[in-house]
Amino acid sequence: MLAALLSASPVAAEALTLWLEIGGSADLPFTARCRVEGDGGRETVTLDERVPYRRGFAARTVNCEIEPRSRGRLVVTLRNDRGNSISRSATTAGPGTTIRMSVSR
């Protein structure tokens, strides 16, 4: 199984390769479904969180669908382990809107 773990510790951060960051309207609730693929196989991660949010994945490929649960602004960024943005999307929307992002390394 993949080590798709959230971590802010320096030791764990060295092993992580892709970061999902979700910002925008403070405290905006959202759901997300991310399909993650790495050396350990495939895994689907379901999130039920609020802005701001950050999670790291040890993965070669991350495919996410993010949906706001109320009206507001979402800014979704996928970053590599060096902190460089490799995919970014922003929208002001509400329930029924989906942001889809896919990154392969």
C-alpha atoms as a PDB file:
ATOM      1  CA  MET A   1       0.000   0.000   0.000  1.00  0.00           C
ATOM      2  CA  LEU A   2       1.215   3.520  -0.720  1.00  0.00           C
ATOM      3  CA  ALA A   3       2.497   5.756   2.003  1.00  0.00           C
ATOM      4  CA  ALA A   4      -0.035   8.479   1.171  1.00  0.00           C
ATOM      5  CA  LEU A   5       0.422  10.285   4.454  1.00  0.00           C
ATOM      6  CA  LEU A   6       0.120  13.875   5.545  1.00  0.00           C
ATOM      7  CA  SER A   7       3.265  15.039   7.244  1.00  0.00           C
ATOM      8  CA  ALA A   8       4.936  18.285   8.076  1.00  0.00           C
ATOM      9  CA  SER A   9       8.031  16.698   9.607  1.00  0.00           C
ATOM     10  CA  PRO A  10      11.332  17.219   7.747  1.00  0.00           C
ATOM     11  CA  VAL A  11      12.203  13.512   7.766  1.00  0.00           C
ATOM     12  CA  ALA A  12       8.901  12.402   6.238  1.00  0.00           C
ATOM     13  CA  ALA A  13       8.858  15.320   3.809  1.00  0.00           C
ATOM     14  CA  GLU A  14      12.050  14.013   2.168  1.00  0.00           C
ATOM     15  CA  ALA A  15      10.223  10.860   1.055  1.00  0.00           C
ATOM     16  CA  LEU A  16       7.158  12.687  -0.279  1.00  0.00           C
ATOM     17  CA  THR A  17       7.090  13.687  -3.918  1.00  0.00           C
ATOM     18  CA  LEU A  18       3.767  15.430  -4.657  1.00  0.00           C
ATOM     19  CA  TRP A  19       1.888  17.959  -2.495  1.00  0.00           C
ATOM     20  CA  LEU A  20      -1.806  18.817  -2.800  1.00  0.00           C
ATOM     21  CA  GLU A  21      -2.581  22.327  -1.517  1.00  0.00           C
ATOM     22  CA  ILE A  22      -6.110  23.714  -1.354  1.00  0.00           C
ATOM     23  CA  GLY A  23      -6.629  27.368  -0.503  1.00  0.00           C
ATOM     24  CA  GLY A  24      -9.175  30.057  -1.203  1.00  0.00           C
ATOM     25  CA  SER A  25     -12.099  31.198   0.938  1.00  0.00           C
ATOM     26  CA  ALA A  26     -11.159  30.585   4.569  1.00  0.00           C
ATOM     27  CA  ASP A  27     -12.888  27.594   6.157  1.00  0.00           C
ATOM     28  CA  LEU A  28     -14.656  26.615   2.888  1.00  0.00           C
ATOM     29  CA  PRO A  29     -15.674  22.944   3.188  1.00  0.00           C
ATOM     30  CA  PHE A  30     -14.781  20.623   0.322  1.00  0.00           C
ATOM     31  CA  THR A  31     -14.638  16.960  -0.571  1.00  0.00           C
ATOM     32  CA  ALA A  32     -11.952  15.415  -2.719  1.00  0.00           C
ATOM     33  CA  ARG A  33     -11.213  12.031  -4.184  1.00  0.00           C
ATOM     34  CA  CYS A  34      -7.606  11.404  -5.194  1.00  0.00           C
ATOM     35  CA  ARG A  35      -6.362   8.352  -7.044  1.00  0.00           C
ATOM     36  CA  VAL A  36      -2.706   7.895  -6.178  1.00  0.00           C
ATOM     37  CA  GLU A  37      -0.242   5.569  -7.902  1.00  0.00           C
ATOM     38  CA  GLY A  38       3.307   4.853  -6.784  1.00  0.00           C
ATOM     39  CA  ASP A  39       5.798   2.056  -6.329  1.00  0.00           C
ATOM     40  CA  GLY A  40       3.549   0.367  -3.770  1.00  0.00           C
ATOM     41  CA  GLY A  41       0.512   0.203  -6.047  1.00  0.00           C
ATOM     42  CA  ARG A  42      -2.697   2.210  -6.334  1.00  0.00           C
ATOM     43  CA  GLU A  43      -4.809   3.789  -3.653  1.00  0.00           C
ATOM     44  CA  THR A  44      -7.880   6.048  -3.545  1.00  0.00           C
ATOM     45  CA  VAL A  45      -7.877   8.719  -0.847  1.00  0.00           C
ATOM     46  CA  THR A  46     -11.140  10.445   0.072  1.00  0.00           C
ATOM     47  CA  LEU A  47     -10.972  13.796   1.854  1.00  0.00           C
ATOM     48  CA  ASP A  48     -13.680  15.715   3.721  1.00  0.00           C
ATOM     49  CA  GLU A  49     -11.848  18.868   4.807  1.00  0.00           C
ATOM     50  CA  ARG A  50     -11.831  22.670   4.953  1.00  0.00           C
ATOM     51  CA  VAL A  51      -9.621  25.348   3.387  1.00  0.00           C
ATOM     52  CA  PRO A  52      -6.681  25.734   3.933  1.00  0.00           C
ATOM     53  CA  TYR A  53      -5.445  22.181   3.452  1.00  0.00           C
ATOM     54  CA  ARG A  54      -2.121  20.539   2.538  1.00  0.00           C
ATOM     55  CA  ARG A  55      -1.260  16.875   2.068  1.00  0.00           C
ATOM     56  CA  GLY A  56       1.770  15.079   0.700  1.00  0.00           C
ATOM     57  CA  PHE A  57       1.704  11.889  -1.374  1.00  0.00           C
ATOM     58  CA  ALA A  58       4.564   9.479  -2.106  1.00  0.00           C
ATOM     59  CA  ALA A  59       3.458   8.888  -5.675  1.00  0.00           C
ATOM     60  CA  ARG A  60       4.283   9.035  -9.369  1.00  0.00           C
ATOM     61  CA  THR A  61       0.716   9.941 -10.352  1.00  0.00           C
ATOM     62  CA  VAL A  62      -2.008  11.870  -8.524  1.00  0.00           C
ATOM     63  CA  ASN A  63      -5.495  12.408 -10.032  1.00  0.00           C
ATOM     64  CA  CYS A  64      -7.854  14.491  -7.885  1.00  0.00           C
ATOM     65  CA  GLU A  65     -11.452  15.673  -8.137  1.00  0.00           C
ATOM     66  CA  ILE A  66     -12.249  18.472  -5.679  1.00  0.00           C
ATOM     67  CA  GLU A  67     -15.776  19.761  -5.017  1.00  0.00           C
ATOM     68  CA  PRO A  68     -16.728  22.709  -2.794  1.00  0.00           C
ATOM     69  CA  ARG A  69     -19.630  21.964  -0.429  1.00  0.00           C
ATOM     70  CA  SER A  70     -20.690  25.627  -0.268  1.00  0.00           C
ATOM     71  CA  ARG A  71     -20.145  28.725  -2.403  1.00  0.00           C
ATOM     72  CA  GLY A  72     -16.667  30.234  -2.324  1.00  0.00           C
ATOM     73  CA  ARG A  73     -13.253  30.389  -3.970  1.00  0.00           C
ATOM     74  CA  LEU A  74     -11.021  27.324  -4.325  1.00  0.00           C
ATOM     75  CA  VAL A  75      -7.385  27.479  -5.382  1.00  0.00           C
ATOM     76  CA  VAL A  76      -5.934  24.008  -5.959  1.00  0.00           C
ATOM     77  CA  THR A  77      -2.207  23.499  -6.505  1.00  0.00           C
ATOM     78  CA  LEU A  78      -0.128  20.368  -6.977  1.00  0.00           C
ATOM     79  CA  ARG A  79       3.560  20.888  -6.148  1.00  0.00           C
ATOM     80  CA  ASN A  80       6.641  18.738  -6.529  1.00  0.00           C
ATOM     81  CA  ASP A  81       8.988  17.952  -3.652  1.00  0.00           C
ATOM     82  CA  ARG A  82      11.004  21.106  -4.418  1.00  0.00           C
ATOM     83  CA  GLY A  83       7.936  23.276  -3.862  1.00  0.00           C
ATOM     84  CA  ASN A  84       7.477  24.154  -7.534  1.00  0.00           C
ATOM     85  CA  SER A  85       3.893  24.411  -8.762  1.00  0.00           C
ATOM     86  CA  ILE A  86       3.276  21.800 -11.467  1.00  0.00           C
ATOM     87  CA  SER A  87      -0.490  22.225 -11.789  1.00  0.00           C
ATOM     88  CA  ARG A  88      -2.824  24.969 -10.561  1.00  0.00           C
ATOM     89  CA  SER A  89      -6.514  25.758 -10.917  1.00  0.00           C
ATOM     90  CA  ALA A  90      -8.772  28.362  -9.319  1.00  0.00           C
ATOM     91  CA  THR A  91     -12.512  28.926  -9.410  1.00  0.00           C
ATOM     92  CA  THR A  92     -15.306  30.664  -7.553  1.00  0.00           C
ATOM     93  CA  ALA A  93     -18.136  28.179  -7.420  1.00  0.00           C
ATOM     94  CA  GLY A  94     -20.448  26.150  -5.263  1.00  0.00           C
ATOM     95  CA  PRO A  95     -21.797  22.625  -4.905  1.00  0.00           C
ATOM     96  CA  GLY A  96     -21.983  20.764  -8.197  1.00  0.00           C
ATOM     97  CA  THR A  97     -18.696  22.216  -9.484  1.00  0.00           C
ATOM     98  CA  THR A  98     -15.674  19.929  -9.769  1.00  0.00           C
ATOM     99  CA  ILE A  99     -12.012  20.810 -10.225  1.00  0.00           C
ATOM    100  CA  ARG A 100     -10.098  17.944 -11.828  1.00  0.00           C
ATOM    101  CA  MET A 101      -6.315  17.794 -11.693  1.00  0.00           C
ATOM    102  CA  SER A 102      -3.874  15.151 -12.826  1.00  0.00           C
ATOM    103  CA  VAL A 103      -0.102  15.039 -12.478  1.00  0.00           C
ATOM    104  CA  SER A 104       2.361  12.321 -13.457  1.00  0.00           C
ATOM    105  CA  ARG A 105       6.071  12.404 -12.747  1.00  0.00           C
END
